[in-house]
Amino acid sequence: MQSDEPLRRSRKTKPAQTSTTSGSSAIRDLLRDFFEQQHRMDVQRQETMERQAQERLLSEDQWRQAMQRIERERLMLEQVWMEREEQRRARDEERAERRDALLTTLLTRLLQDL
């Protein structure tokens, strides 16, 4: 038990109080600096996430507009194709009617000549 006595110090001595006070002040300063740095990092992270979200929204909007433009172009091309196809069918039908009329005329003349 005697070996414990030299290690004990009185808490009332000035050097111990000064070192404890300055030590806890230094720890407080370190903690404050640490929390301030953490706060700055959190703010930066939040700003980065918000900026990325804005960029993503802008990119999605541009993509959506591009898809709408492509869809409009596709619809216009499809409309043009349908109109051309309808014209082709009308020409084919007209050609078939003229052919039928010609054949009917030829057959009528052949029958009259008999």
PDB file of N, CA and C in Angstrom:
ATOM      1  N   MET A   1       0.811  -1.187   0.000  1.00  0.00           N
ATOM      2  CA  MET A   1       0.000   0.000   0.000  1.00  0.00           C
ATOM      3  C   MET A   1       0.852   1.246   0.000  1.00  0.00           C
ATOM      4  N   GLN A   2       2.041   1.136   0.491  1.00  0.00           N
ATOM      5  CA  GLN A   2       2.908   2.308   0.519  1.00  0.00           C
ATOM      6  C   GLN A   2       3.327   2.699  -0.881  1.00  0.00           C
ATOM      7  N   SER A   3       3.364   1.774  -1.784  1.00  0.00           N
ATOM      8  CA  SER A   3       3.766   2.103  -3.149  1.00  0.00           C
ATOM      9  C   SER A   3       2.734   2.988  -3.837  1.00  0.00           C
ATOM     10  N   ASP A   4       1.490   2.969  -3.390  1.00  0.00           N
ATOM     11  CA  ASP A   4       0.440   3.805  -3.982  1.00  0.00           C
ATOM     12  C   ASP A   4       0.577   5.261  -3.570  1.00  0.00           C
ATOM     13  N   GLU A   5       1.112   5.541  -2.418  1.00  0.00           N
ATOM     14  CA  GLU A   5       1.165   6.912  -1.911  1.00  0.00           C
ATOM     15  C   GLU A   5       1.985   7.844  -2.796  1.00  0.00           C
ATOM     16  N   PRO A   6       3.166   7.481  -3.263  1.00  0.00           N
ATOM     17  CA  PRO A   6       3.910   8.438  -4.081  1.00  0.00           C
ATOM     18  C   PRO A   6       3.207   8.750  -5.417  1.00  0.00           C
ATOM     19  N   LEU A   7       2.376   7.855  -5.896  1.00  0.00           N
ATOM     20  CA  LEU A   7       1.701   8.102  -7.179  1.00  0.00           C
ATOM     21  C   LEU A   7       0.512   9.041  -7.029  1.00  0.00           C
ATOM     22  N   ARG A   8      -0.047   9.118  -5.850  1.00  0.00           N
ATOM     23  CA  ARG A   8      -1.204   9.982  -5.632  1.00  0.00           C
ATOM     24  C   ARG A   8      -0.763  11.420  -5.550  1.00  0.00           C
ATOM     25  N   ARG A   9      -1.541  12.264  -6.160  1.00  0.00           N
ATOM     26  CA  ARG A   9      -1.270  13.689  -6.067  1.00  0.00           C
ATOM     27  C   ARG A   9      -2.506  14.379  -5.559  1.00  0.00           C
ATOM     28  N   SER A  10      -2.306  15.436  -4.962  1.00  0.00           N
ATOM     29  CA  SER A  10      -3.433  16.199  -4.461  1.00  0.00           C
ATOM     30  C   SER A  10      -4.050  16.948  -5.629  1.00  0.00           C
ATOM     31  N   ARG A  11      -5.308  16.975  -5.656  1.00  0.00           N
ATOM     32  CA  ARG A  11      -5.997  17.658  -6.751  1.00  0.00           C
ATOM     33  C   ARG A  11      -6.004  19.164  -6.523  1.00  0.00           C
ATOM     34  N   LYS A  12      -5.568  19.573  -5.375  1.00  0.00           N
ATOM     35  CA  LYS A  12      -5.590  20.990  -5.064  1.00  0.00           C
ATOM     36  C   LYS A  12      -4.317  21.694  -5.512  1.00  0.00           C
ATOM     37  N   THR A  13      -3.342  20.981  -5.976  1.00  0.00           N
ATOM     38  CA  THR A  13      -2.090  21.611  -6.373  1.00  0.00           C
ATOM     39  C   THR A  13      -2.298  22.344  -7.680  1.00  0.00           C
ATOM     40  N   LYS A  14      -1.678  23.488  -7.837  1.00  0.00           N
ATOM     41  CA  LYS A  14      -1.841  24.327  -9.004  1.00  0.00           C
ATOM     42  C   LYS A  14      -1.357  23.691 -10.293  1.00  0.00           C
ATOM     43  N   PRO A  15      -0.166  23.086 -10.340  1.00  0.00           N
ATOM     44  CA  PRO A  15       0.270  22.531 -11.623  1.00  0.00           C
ATOM     45  C   PRO A  15      -0.702  21.494 -12.175  1.00  0.00           C
ATOM     46  N   ALA A  16      -1.259  20.694 -11.313  1.00  0.00           N
ATOM     47  CA  ALA A  16      -2.210  19.686 -11.779  1.00  0.00           C
ATOM     48  C   ALA A  16      -3.459  20.364 -12.307  1.00  0.00           C
ATOM     49  N   GLN A  17      -3.968  21.385 -11.650  1.00  0.00           N
ATOM     50  CA  GLN A  17      -5.165  22.081 -12.093  1.00  0.00           C
ATOM     51  C   GLN A  17      -4.910  22.790 -13.418  1.00  0.00           C
ATOM     52  N   THR A  18      -3.789  23.398 -13.575  1.00  0.00           N
ATOM     53  CA  THR A  18      -3.472  24.113 -14.804  1.00  0.00           C
ATOM     54  C   THR A  18      -3.384  23.154 -15.971  1.00  0.00           C
ATOM     55  N   SER A  19      -2.703  22.043 -15.758  1.00  0.00           N
ATOM     56  CA  SER A  19      -2.575  21.090 -16.852  1.00  0.00           C
ATOM     57  C   SER A  19      -3.922  20.454 -17.171  1.00  0.00           C
ATOM     58  N   THR A  20      -4.733  20.215 -16.162  1.00  0.00           N
ATOM     59  CA  THR A  20      -6.059  19.635 -16.395  1.00  0.00           C
ATOM     60  C   THR A  20      -6.933  20.645 -17.109  1.00  0.00           C
ATOM     61  N   THR A  21      -6.883  21.876 -16.684  1.00  0.00           N
ATOM     62  CA  THR A  21      -7.700  22.914 -17.305  1.00  0.00           C
ATOM     63  C   THR A  21      -7.264  23.145 -18.740  1.00  0.00           C
ATOM     64  N   SER A  22      -5.986  23.272 -18.970  1.00  0.00           N
ATOM     65  CA  SER A  22      -5.507  23.498 -20.333  1.00  0.00           C
ATOM     66  C   SER A  22      -5.704  22.249 -21.185  1.00  0.00           C
ATOM     67  N   GLY A  23      -5.614  21.068 -20.563  1.00  0.00           N
ATOM     68  CA  GLY A  23      -5.829  19.814 -21.288  1.00  0.00           C
ATOM     69  C   GLY A  23      -7.270  19.676 -21.726  1.00  0.00           C
ATOM     70  N   SER A  24      -8.207  19.982 -20.827  1.00  0.00           N
ATOM     71  CA  SER A  24      -9.616  19.866 -21.194  1.00  0.00           C
ATOM     72  C   SER A  24      -9.989  20.956 -22.192  1.00  0.00           C
ATOM     73  N   SER A  25      -9.344  22.110 -22.094  1.00  0.00           N
ATOM     74  CA  SER A  25      -9.583  23.174 -23.069  1.00  0.00           C
ATOM     75  C   SER A  25      -9.071  22.741 -24.446  1.00  0.00           C
ATOM     76  N   ALA A  26      -7.910  22.105 -24.453  1.00  0.00           N
ATOM     77  CA  ALA A  26      -7.356  21.617 -25.723  1.00  0.00           C
ATOM     78  C   ALA A  26      -8.247  20.528 -26.310  1.00  0.00           C
ATOM     79  N   ILE A  27      -8.760  19.670 -25.458  1.00  0.00           N
ATOM     80  CA  ILE A  27      -9.654  18.601 -25.927  1.00  0.00           C
ATOM     81  C   ILE A  27     -10.935  19.217 -26.480  1.00  0.00           C
ATOM     82  N   ARG A  28     -11.462  20.233 -25.745  1.00  0.00           N
ATOM     83  CA  ARG A  28     -12.660  20.926 -26.225  1.00  0.00           C
ATOM     84  C   ARG A  28     -12.402  21.574 -27.582  1.00  0.00           C
ATOM     85  N   ASP A  29     -11.241  22.208 -27.713  1.00  0.00           N
ATOM     86  CA  ASP A  29     -10.887  22.832 -29.001  1.00  0.00           C
ATOM     87  C   ASP A  29     -10.785  21.784 -30.104  1.00  0.00           C
ATOM     88  N   LEU A  30     -10.139  20.660 -29.784  1.00  0.00           N
ATOM     89  CA  LEU A  30     -10.034  19.587 -30.777  1.00  0.00           C
ATOM     90  C   LEU A  30     -11.404  19.055 -31.170  1.00  0.00           C
ATOM     91  N   LEU A  31     -12.260  18.852 -30.178  1.00  0.00           N
ATOM     92  CA  LEU A  31     -13.611  18.357 -30.465  1.00  0.00           C
ATOM     93  C   LEU A  31     -14.400  19.375 -31.291  1.00  0.00           C
ATOM     94  N   ARG A  32     -14.288  20.648 -30.908  1.00  0.00           N
ATOM     95  CA  ARG A  32     -14.994  21.695 -31.657  1.00  0.00           C
ATOM     96  C   ARG A  32     -14.494  21.721 -33.102  1.00  0.00           C
ATOM     97  N   ASP A  33     -13.178  21.678 -33.294  1.00  0.00           N
ATOM     98  CA  ASP A  33     -12.614  21.652 -34.649  1.00  0.00           C
ATOM     99  C   ASP A  33     -13.086  20.422 -35.421  1.00  0.00           C
ATOM    100  N   PHE A  34     -13.096  19.294 -34.736  1.00  0.00           N
ATOM    101  CA  PHE A  34     -13.543  18.055 -35.382  1.00  0.00           C
ATOM    102  C   PHE A  34     -15.004  18.167 -35.827  1.00  0.00           C
ATOM    103  N   PHE A  35     -15.868  18.655 -34.919  1.00  0.00           N
ATOM    104  CA  PHE A  35     -17.288  18.771 -35.261  1.00  0.00           C
ATOM    105  C   PHE A  35     -17.514  19.828 -36.344  1.00  0.00           C
ATOM    106  N   GLU A  36     -16.744  20.900 -36.317  1.00  0.00           N
ATOM    107  CA  GLU A  36     -16.858  21.910 -37.375  1.00  0.00           C
ATOM    108  C   GLU A  36     -16.449  21.315 -38.725  1.00  0.00           C
ATOM    109  N   GLN A  37     -15.360  20.553 -38.705  1.00  0.00           N
ATOM    110  CA  GLN A  37     -14.915  19.901 -39.946  1.00  0.00           C
ATOM    111  C   GLN A  37     -15.974  18.908 -40.435  1.00  0.00           C
ATOM    112  N   GLN A  38     -16.538  18.144 -39.507  1.00  0.00           N
ATOM    113  CA  GLN A  38     -17.594  17.200 -39.881  1.00  0.00           C
ATOM    114  C   GLN A  38     -18.795  17.944 -40.468  1.00  0.00           C
ATOM    115  N   HIS A  39     -19.133  19.071 -39.854  1.00  0.00           N
ATOM    116  CA  HIS A  39     -20.256  19.872 -40.355  1.00  0.00           C
ATOM    117  C   HIS A  39     -19.964  20.388 -41.760  1.00  0.00           C
ATOM    118  N   ARG A  40     -18.757  20.910 -41.975  1.00  0.00           N
ATOM    119  CA  ARG A  40     -18.375  21.389 -43.314  1.00  0.00           C
ATOM    120  C   ARG A  40     -18.439  20.256 -44.329  1.00  0.00           C
ATOM    121  N   MET A  41     -17.962  19.086 -43.936  1.00  0.00           N
ATOM    122  CA  MET A  41     -17.997  17.939 -44.840  1.00  0.00           C
ATOM    123  C   MET A  41     -19.441  17.533 -45.137  1.00  0.00           C
ATOM    124  N   ASP A  42     -20.300  17.572 -44.127  1.00  0.00           N
ATOM    125  CA  ASP A  42     -21.717  17.251 -44.332  1.00  0.00           C
ATOM    126  C   ASP A  42     -22.372  18.250 -45.271  1.00  0.00           C
ATOM    127  N   VAL A  43     -22.066  19.528 -45.080  1.00  0.00           N
ATOM    128  CA  VAL A  43     -22.618  20.570 -45.949  1.00  0.00           C
ATOM    129  C   VAL A  43     -22.130  20.353 -47.381  1.00  0.00           C
ATOM    130  N   GLN A  44     -20.841  20.079 -47.551  1.00  0.00           N
ATOM    131  CA  GLN A  44     -20.290  19.820 -48.890  1.00  0.00           C
ATOM    132  C   GLN A  44     -20.954  18.609 -49.523  1.00  0.00           C
ATOM    133  N   ARG A  45     -21.108  17.561 -48.746  1.00  0.00           N
ATOM    134  CA  ARG A  45     -21.735  16.333 -49.246  1.00  0.00           C
ATOM    135  C   ARG A  45     -23.173  16.615 -49.675  1.00  0.00           C
ATOM    136  N   GLN A  46     -23.891  17.374 -48.853  1.00  0.00           N
ATOM    137  CA  GLN A  46     -25.283  17.719 -49.168  1.00  0.00           C
ATOM    138  C   GLN A  46     -25.341  18.557 -50.443  1.00  0.00           C
ATOM    139  N   GLU A  47     -24.445  19.552 -50.558  1.00  0.00           N
ATOM    140  CA  GLU A  47     -24.409  20.389 -51.764  1.00  0.00           C
ATOM    141  C   GLU A  47     -24.090  19.544 -52.991  1.00  0.00           C
ATOM    142  N   THR A  48     -23.156  18.618 -52.848  1.00  0.00           N
ATOM    143  CA  THR A  48     -22.806  17.739 -53.968  1.00  0.00           C
ATOM    144  C   THR A  48     -23.995  16.877 -54.365  1.00  0.00           C
ATOM    145  N   MET A  49     -24.685  16.334 -53.380  1.00  0.00           N
ATOM    146  CA  MET A  49     -25.847  15.492 -53.684  1.00  0.00           C
ATOM    147  C   MET A  49     -26.949  16.310 -54.358  1.00  0.00           C
ATOM    148  N   GLU A  50     -27.173  17.541 -53.892  1.00  0.00           N
ATOM    149  CA  GLU A  50     -28.191  18.394 -54.502  1.00  0.00           C
ATOM    150  C   GLU A  50     -27.807  18.751 -55.934  1.00  0.00           C
ATOM    151  N   ARG A  51     -26.522  19.063 -56.150  1.00  0.00           N
ATOM    152  CA  ARG A  51     -26.048  19.396 -57.498  1.00  0.00           C
ATOM    153  C   ARG A  51     -26.217  18.189 -58.432  1.00  0.00           C
ATOM    154  N   GLN A  52     -25.861  17.010 -57.933  1.00  0.00           N
ATOM    155  CA  GLN A  52     -26.015  15.800 -58.745  1.00  0.00           C
ATOM    156  C   GLN A  52     -27.482  15.517 -59.036  1.00  0.00           C
ATOM    157  N   ALA A  53     -28.352  15.772 -58.059  1.00  0.00           N
ATOM    158  CA  ALA A  53     -29.786  15.568 -58.273  1.00  0.00           C
ATOM    159  C   ALA A  53     -30.295  16.529 -59.343  1.00  0.00           C
ATOM    160  N   GLN A  54     -29.849  17.786 -59.284  1.00  0.00           N
ATOM    161  CA  GLN A  54     -30.243  18.765 -60.301  1.00  0.00           C
ATOM    162  C   GLN A  54     -29.736  18.342 -61.684  1.00  0.00           C
ATOM    163  N   GLU A  55     -28.487  17.911 -61.744  1.00  0.00           N
ATOM    164  CA  GLU A  55     -27.926  17.460 -63.018  1.00  0.00           C
ATOM    165  C   GLU A  55     -28.684  16.254 -63.552  1.00  0.00           C
ATOM    166  N   ARG A  56     -29.056  15.342 -62.659  1.00  0.00           N
ATOM    167  CA  ARG A  56     -29.815  14.163 -63.070  1.00  0.00           C
ATOM    168  C   ARG A  56     -31.187  14.571 -63.610  1.00  0.00           C
ATOM    169  N   LEU A  57     -31.860  15.499 -62.912  1.00  0.00           N
ATOM    170  CA  LEU A  57     -33.163  15.976 -63.372  1.00  0.00           C
ATOM    171  C   LEU A  57     -33.049  16.652 -64.732  1.00  0.00           C
ATOM    172  N   LEU A  58     -32.012  17.461 -64.899  1.00  0.00           N
ATOM    173  CA  LEU A  58     -31.792  18.132 -66.183  1.00  0.00           C
ATOM    174  C   LEU A  58     -31.542  17.107 -67.276  1.00  0.00           C
ATOM    175  N   SER A  59     -30.715  16.128 -66.976  1.00  0.00           N
ATOM    176  CA  SER A  59     -30.403  15.076 -67.941  1.00  0.00           C
ATOM    177  C   SER A  59     -31.659  14.280 -68.300  1.00  0.00           C
ATOM    178  N   GLU A  60     -32.462  13.944 -67.291  1.00  0.00           N
ATOM    179  CA  GLU A  60     -33.701  13.206 -67.544  1.00  0.00           C
ATOM    180  C   GLU A  60     -34.665  14.025 -68.391  1.00  0.00           C
ATOM    181  N   ASP A  61     -34.727  15.335 -68.114  1.00  0.00           N
ATOM    182  CA  ASP A  61     -35.603  16.213 -68.887  1.00  0.00           C
ATOM    183  C   ASP A  61     -35.140  16.286 -70.340  1.00  0.00           C
ATOM    184  N   GLN A  62     -33.836  16.412 -70.545  1.00  0.00           N
ATOM    185  CA  GLN A  62     -33.295  16.440 -71.907  1.00  0.00           C
ATOM    186  C   GLN A  62     -33.568  15.121 -72.621  1.00  0.00           C
ATOM    187  N   TRP A  63     -33.411  14.008 -71.906  1.00  0.00           N
ATOM    188  CA  TRP A  63     -33.679  12.696 -72.495  1.00  0.00           C
ATOM    189  C   TRP A  63     -35.146  12.587 -72.885  1.00  0.00           C
ATOM    190  N   ARG A  64     -36.032  13.024 -71.975  1.00  0.00           N
ATOM    191  CA  ARG A  64     -37.477  12.964 -72.235  1.00  0.00           C
ATOM    192  C   ARG A  64     -37.836  13.797 -73.470  1.00  0.00           C
ATOM    193  N   GLN A  65     -37.262  15.000 -73.572  1.00  0.00           N
ATOM    194  CA  GLN A  65     -37.531  15.848 -74.731  1.00  0.00           C
ATOM    195  C   GLN A  65     -37.023  15.194 -76.017  1.00  0.00           C
ATOM    196  N   ALA A  66     -35.854  14.589 -75.938  1.00  0.00           N
ATOM    197  CA  ALA A  66     -35.305  13.905 -77.117  1.00  0.00           C
ATOM    198  C   ALA A  66     -36.208  12.748 -77.529  1.00  0.00           C
ATOM    199  N   MET A  67     -36.706  11.991 -76.558  1.00  0.00           N
ATOM    200  CA  MET A  67     -37.596  10.865 -76.872  1.00  0.00           C
ATOM    201  C   MET A  67     -38.912  11.358 -77.468  1.00  0.00           C
ATOM    202  N   GLN A  68     -39.427  12.465 -76.958  1.00  0.00           N
ATOM    203  CA  GLN A  68     -40.660  13.035 -77.513  1.00  0.00           C
ATOM    204  C   GLN A  68     -40.433  13.486 -78.951  1.00  0.00           C
ATOM    205  N   ARG A  69     -39.288  14.127 -79.207  1.00  0.00           N
ATOM    206  CA  ARG A  69     -38.955  14.577 -80.563  1.00  0.00           C
ATOM    207  C   ARG A  69     -38.837  13.378 -81.501  1.00  0.00           C
ATOM    208  N   ILE A  70     -38.177  12.329 -81.051  1.00  0.00           N
ATOM    209  CA  ILE A  70     -38.030  11.126 -81.875  1.00  0.00           C
ATOM    210  C   ILE A  70     -39.396  10.493 -82.137  1.00  0.00           C
ATOM    211  N   GLU A  71     -40.260  10.473 -81.134  1.00  0.00           N
ATOM    212  CA  GLU A  71     -41.606   9.908 -81.302  1.00  0.00           C
ATOM    213  C   GLU A  71     -42.410  10.718 -82.320  1.00  0.00           C
ATOM    214  N   ARG A  72     -42.316  12.056 -82.227  1.00  0.00           N
ATOM    215  CA  ARG A  72     -43.011  12.901 -83.215  1.00  0.00           C
ATOM    216  C   ARG A  72     -42.498  12.631 -84.625  1.00  0.00           C
ATOM    217  N   GLU A  73     -41.171  12.520 -84.758  1.00  0.00           N
ATOM    218  CA  GLU A  73     -40.584  12.226 -86.069  1.00  0.00           C
ATOM    219  C   GLU A  73     -41.060  10.867 -86.580  1.00  0.00           C
ATOM    220  N   ARG A  74     -41.110   9.885 -85.688  1.00  0.00           N
ATOM    221  CA  ARG A  74     -41.573   8.557 -86.082  1.00  0.00           C
ATOM    222  C   ARG A  74     -43.013   8.599 -86.556  1.00  0.00           C
ATOM    223  N   LEU A  75     -43.857   9.326 -85.817  1.00  0.00           N
ATOM    224  CA  LEU A  75     -45.259   9.442 -86.206  1.00  0.00           C
ATOM    225  C   LEU A  75     -45.414  10.139 -87.555  1.00  0.00           C
ATOM    226  N   MET A  76     -44.601  11.177 -87.776  1.00  0.00           N
ATOM    227  CA  MET A  76     -44.661  11.881 -89.070  1.00  0.00           C
ATOM    228  C   MET A  76     -44.222  10.955 -90.194  1.00  0.00           C
ATOM    229  N   LEU A  77     -43.145  10.205 -89.993  1.00  0.00           N
ATOM    230  CA  LEU A  77     -42.680   9.271 -91.014  1.00  0.00           C
ATOM    231  C   LEU A  77     -43.714   8.176 -91.273  1.00  0.00           C
ATOM    232  N   GLU A  78     -44.338   7.713 -90.208  1.00  0.00           N
ATOM    233  CA  GLU A  78     -45.371   6.690 -90.362  1.00  0.00           C
ATOM    234  C   GLU A  78     -46.560   7.248 -91.149  1.00  0.00           C
ATOM    235  N   GLN A  79     -46.927   8.500 -90.873  1.00  0.00           N
ATOM    236  CA  GLN A  79     -48.026   9.136 -91.595  1.00  0.00           C
ATOM    237  C   GLN A  79     -47.689   9.273 -93.077  1.00  0.00           C
ATOM    238  N   VAL A  80     -46.450   9.694 -93.361  1.00  0.00           N
ATOM    239  CA  VAL A  80     -46.012   9.816 -94.758  1.00  0.00           C
ATOM    240  C   VAL A  80     -46.053   8.446 -95.436  1.00  0.00           C
ATOM    241  N   TRP A  81     -45.581   7.418 -94.745  1.00  0.00           N
ATOM    242  CA  TRP A  81     -45.582   6.070 -95.317  1.00  0.00           C
ATOM    243  C   TRP A  81     -47.009   5.606 -95.606  1.00  0.00           C
ATOM    244  N   MET A  82     -47.916   5.871 -94.646  1.00  0.00           N
ATOM    245  CA  MET A  82     -49.307   5.459 -94.844  1.00  0.00           C
ATOM    246  C   MET A  82     -49.938   6.180 -96.042  1.00  0.00           C
ATOM    247  N   GLU A  83     -49.635   7.468 -96.186  1.00  0.00           N
ATOM    248  CA  GLU A  83     -50.168   8.225 -97.326  1.00  0.00           C
ATOM    249  C   GLU A  83     -49.628   7.668 -98.643  1.00  0.00           C
ATOM    250  N   ARG A  84     -48.337   7.386 -98.684  1.00  0.00           N
ATOM    251  CA  ARG A  84     -47.743   6.810 -99.899  1.00  0.00           C
ATOM    252  C   ARG A  84     -48.340   5.436-100.207  1.00  0.00           C
ATOM    253  N   GLU A  85     -48.515   4.643 -99.167  1.00  0.00           N
ATOM    254  CA  GLU A  85     -49.097   3.311 -99.347  1.00  0.00           C
ATOM    255  C   GLU A  85     -50.524   3.422 -99.878  1.00  0.00           C
ATOM    256  N   GLU A  86     -51.272   4.376 -99.360  1.00  0.00           N
ATOM    257  CA  GLU A  86     -52.647   4.595 -99.834  1.00  0.00           C
ATOM    258  C   GLU A  86     -52.645   5.035-101.295  1.00  0.00           C
ATOM    259  N   GLN A  87     -51.720   5.920-101.648  1.00  0.00           N
ATOM    260  CA  GLN A  87     -51.607   6.355-103.049  1.00  0.00           C
ATOM    261  C   GLN A  87     -51.242   5.188-103.953  1.00  0.00           C
ATOM    262  N   ARG A  88     -50.323   4.347-103.492  1.00  0.00           N
ATOM    263  CA  ARG A  88     -49.930   3.184-104.287  1.00  0.00           C
ATOM    264  C   ARG A  88     -51.123   2.256-104.512  1.00  0.00           C
ATOM    265  N   ARG A  89     -51.877   2.016-103.454  1.00  0.00           N
ATOM    266  CA  ARG A  89     -53.065   1.160-103.585  1.00  0.00           C
ATOM    267  C   ARG A  89     -54.074   1.760-104.554  1.00  0.00           C
ATOM    268  N   ALA A  90     -54.268   3.084-104.477  1.00  0.00           N
ATOM    269  CA  ALA A  90     -55.200   3.757-105.381  1.00  0.00           C
ATOM    270  C   ALA A  90     -54.724   3.614-106.824  1.00  0.00           C
ATOM    271  N   ARG A  91     -53.416   3.775-107.048  1.00  0.00           N
ATOM    272  CA  ARG A  91     -52.875   3.607-108.413  1.00  0.00           C
ATOM    273  C   ARG A  91     -53.063   2.169-108.891  1.00  0.00           C
ATOM    274  N   ASP A  92     -52.772   1.204-107.985  1.00  0.00           N
ATOM    275  CA  ASP A  92     -52.961  -0.210-108.352  1.00  0.00           C
ATOM    276  C   ASP A  92     -54.422  -0.499-108.700  1.00  0.00           C
ATOM    277  N   GLU A  93     -55.319   0.052-107.908  1.00  0.00           N
ATOM    278  CA  GLU A  93     -56.745  -0.180-108.156  1.00  0.00           C
ATOM    279  C   GLU A  93     -57.177   0.455-109.477  1.00  0.00           C
ATOM    280  N   GLU A  94     -56.701   1.679-109.724  1.00  0.00           N
ATOM    281  CA  GLU A  94     -57.020   2.361-110.991  1.00  0.00           C
ATOM    282  C   GLU A  94     -56.466   1.574-112.177  1.00  0.00           C
ATOM    283  N   ARG A  95     -55.245   1.094-112.043  1.00  0.00           N
ATOM    284  CA  ARG A  95     -54.629   0.280-113.096  1.00  0.00           C
ATOM    285  C   ARG A  95     -55.452  -1.000-113.351  1.00  0.00           C
ATOM    286  N   ALA A  96     -55.876  -1.635-112.268  1.00  0.00           N
ATOM    287  CA  ALA A  96     -56.681  -2.859-112.398  1.00  0.00           C
ATOM    288  C   ALA A  96     -58.012  -2.553-113.073  1.00  0.00           C
ATOM    289  N   GLU A  97     -58.626  -1.421-112.733  1.00  0.00           N
ATOM    290  CA  GLU A  97     -59.896  -1.049-113.364  1.00  0.00           C
ATOM    291  C   GLU A  97     -59.710  -0.775-114.854  1.00  0.00           C
ATOM    292  N   ARG A  98     -58.620  -0.080-115.214  1.00  0.00           N
ATOM    293  CA  ARG A  98     -58.361   0.181-116.645  1.00  0.00           C
ATOM    294  C   ARG A  98     -58.106  -1.121-117.389  1.00  0.00           C
ATOM    295  N   ARG A  99     -57.362  -2.017-116.762  1.00  0.00           N
ATOM    296  CA  ARG A  99     -57.086  -3.322-117.378  1.00  0.00           C
ATOM    297  C   ARG A  99     -58.390  -4.100-117.576  1.00  0.00           C
ATOM    298  N   ASP A 100     -59.223  -4.094-116.526  1.00  0.00           N
ATOM    299  CA  ASP A 100     -60.515  -4.788-116.635  1.00  0.00           C
ATOM    300  C   ASP A 100     -61.376  -4.163-117.743  1.00  0.00           C
ATOM    301  N   ALA A 101     -61.377  -2.837-117.808  1.00  0.00           N
ATOM    302  CA  ALA A 101     -62.170  -2.151-118.839  1.00  0.00           C
ATOM    303  C   ALA A 101     -61.627  -2.489-120.219  1.00  0.00           C
ATOM    304  N   LEU A 102     -60.317  -2.520-120.363  1.00  0.00           N
ATOM    305  CA  LEU A 102     -59.695  -2.861-121.651  1.00  0.00           C
ATOM    306  C   LEU A 102     -60.035  -4.294-122.045  1.00  0.00           C
ATOM    307  N   LEU A 103     -59.905  -5.207-121.099  1.00  0.00           N
ATOM    308  CA  LEU A 103     -60.232  -6.604-121.377  1.00  0.00           C
ATOM    309  C   LEU A 103     -61.713  -6.764-121.734  1.00  0.00           C
ATOM    310  N   THR A 104     -62.551  -6.049-121.022  1.00  0.00           N
ATOM    311  CA  THR A 104     -63.993  -6.109-121.330  1.00  0.00           C
ATOM    312  C   THR A 104     -64.256  -5.590-122.736  1.00  0.00           C
ATOM    313  N   THR A 105     -63.612  -4.486-123.097  1.00  0.00           N
ATOM    314  CA  THR A 105     -63.771  -3.914-124.440  1.00  0.00           C
ATOM    315  C   THR A 105     -63.275  -4.896-125.487  1.00  0.00           C
ATOM    316  N   LEU A 106     -62.102  -5.498-125.261  1.00  0.00           N
ATOM    317  CA  LEU A 106     -61.546  -6.462-126.220  1.00  0.00           C
ATOM    318  C   LEU A 106     -62.476  -7.671-126.363  1.00  0.00           C
ATOM    319  N   LEU A 107     -62.943  -8.194-125.270  1.00  0.00           N
ATOM    320  CA  LEU A 107     -63.831  -9.362-125.326  1.00  0.00           C
ATOM    321  C   LEU A 107     -65.150  -9.011-126.032  1.00  0.00           C
ATOM    322  N   THR A 108     -65.653  -7.822-125.786  1.00  0.00           N
ATOM    323  CA  THR A 108     -66.900  -7.404-126.433  1.00  0.00           C
ATOM    324  C   THR A 108     -66.699  -7.317-127.945  1.00  0.00           C
ATOM    325  N   ARG A 109     -65.575  -6.760-128.386  1.00  0.00           N
ATOM    326  CA  ARG A 109     -65.305  -6.648-129.811  1.00  0.00           C
ATOM    327  C   ARG A 109     -65.109  -8.032-130.432  1.00  0.00           C
ATOM    328  N   LEU A 110     -64.415  -8.877-129.718  1.00  0.00           N
ATOM    329  CA  LEU A 110     -64.205 -10.237-130.246  1.00  0.00           C
ATOM    330  C   LEU A 110     -65.531 -10.966-130.396  1.00  0.00           C
ATOM    331  N   LEU A 111     -66.383 -10.818-129.406  1.00  0.00           N
ATOM    332  CA  LEU A 111     -67.691 -11.469-129.476  1.00  0.00           C
ATOM    333  C   LEU A 111     -68.572 -10.873-130.590  1.00  0.00           C
ATOM    334  N   GLN A 112     -68.436  -9.593-130.836  1.00  0.00           N
ATOM    335  CA  GLN A 112     -69.222  -8.943-131.884  1.00  0.00           C
ATOM    336  C   GLN A 112     -68.723  -9.377-133.264  1.00  0.00           C
ATOM    337  N   ASP A 113     -67.422  -9.628-133.374  1.00  0.00           N
ATOM    338  CA  ASP A 113     -66.835 -10.021-134.639  1.00  0.00           C
ATOM    339  C   ASP A 113     -67.178 -11.481-134.977  1.00  0.00           C
ATOM    340  N   LEU A 114     -67.596 -12.215-134.057  1.00  0.00           N
ATOM    341  CA  LEU A 114     -67.925 -13.626-134.323  1.00  0.00           C
ATOM    342  C   LEU A 114     -69.217 -13.754-134.978  1.00  0.00           C
TER     343      LEU A 114
END
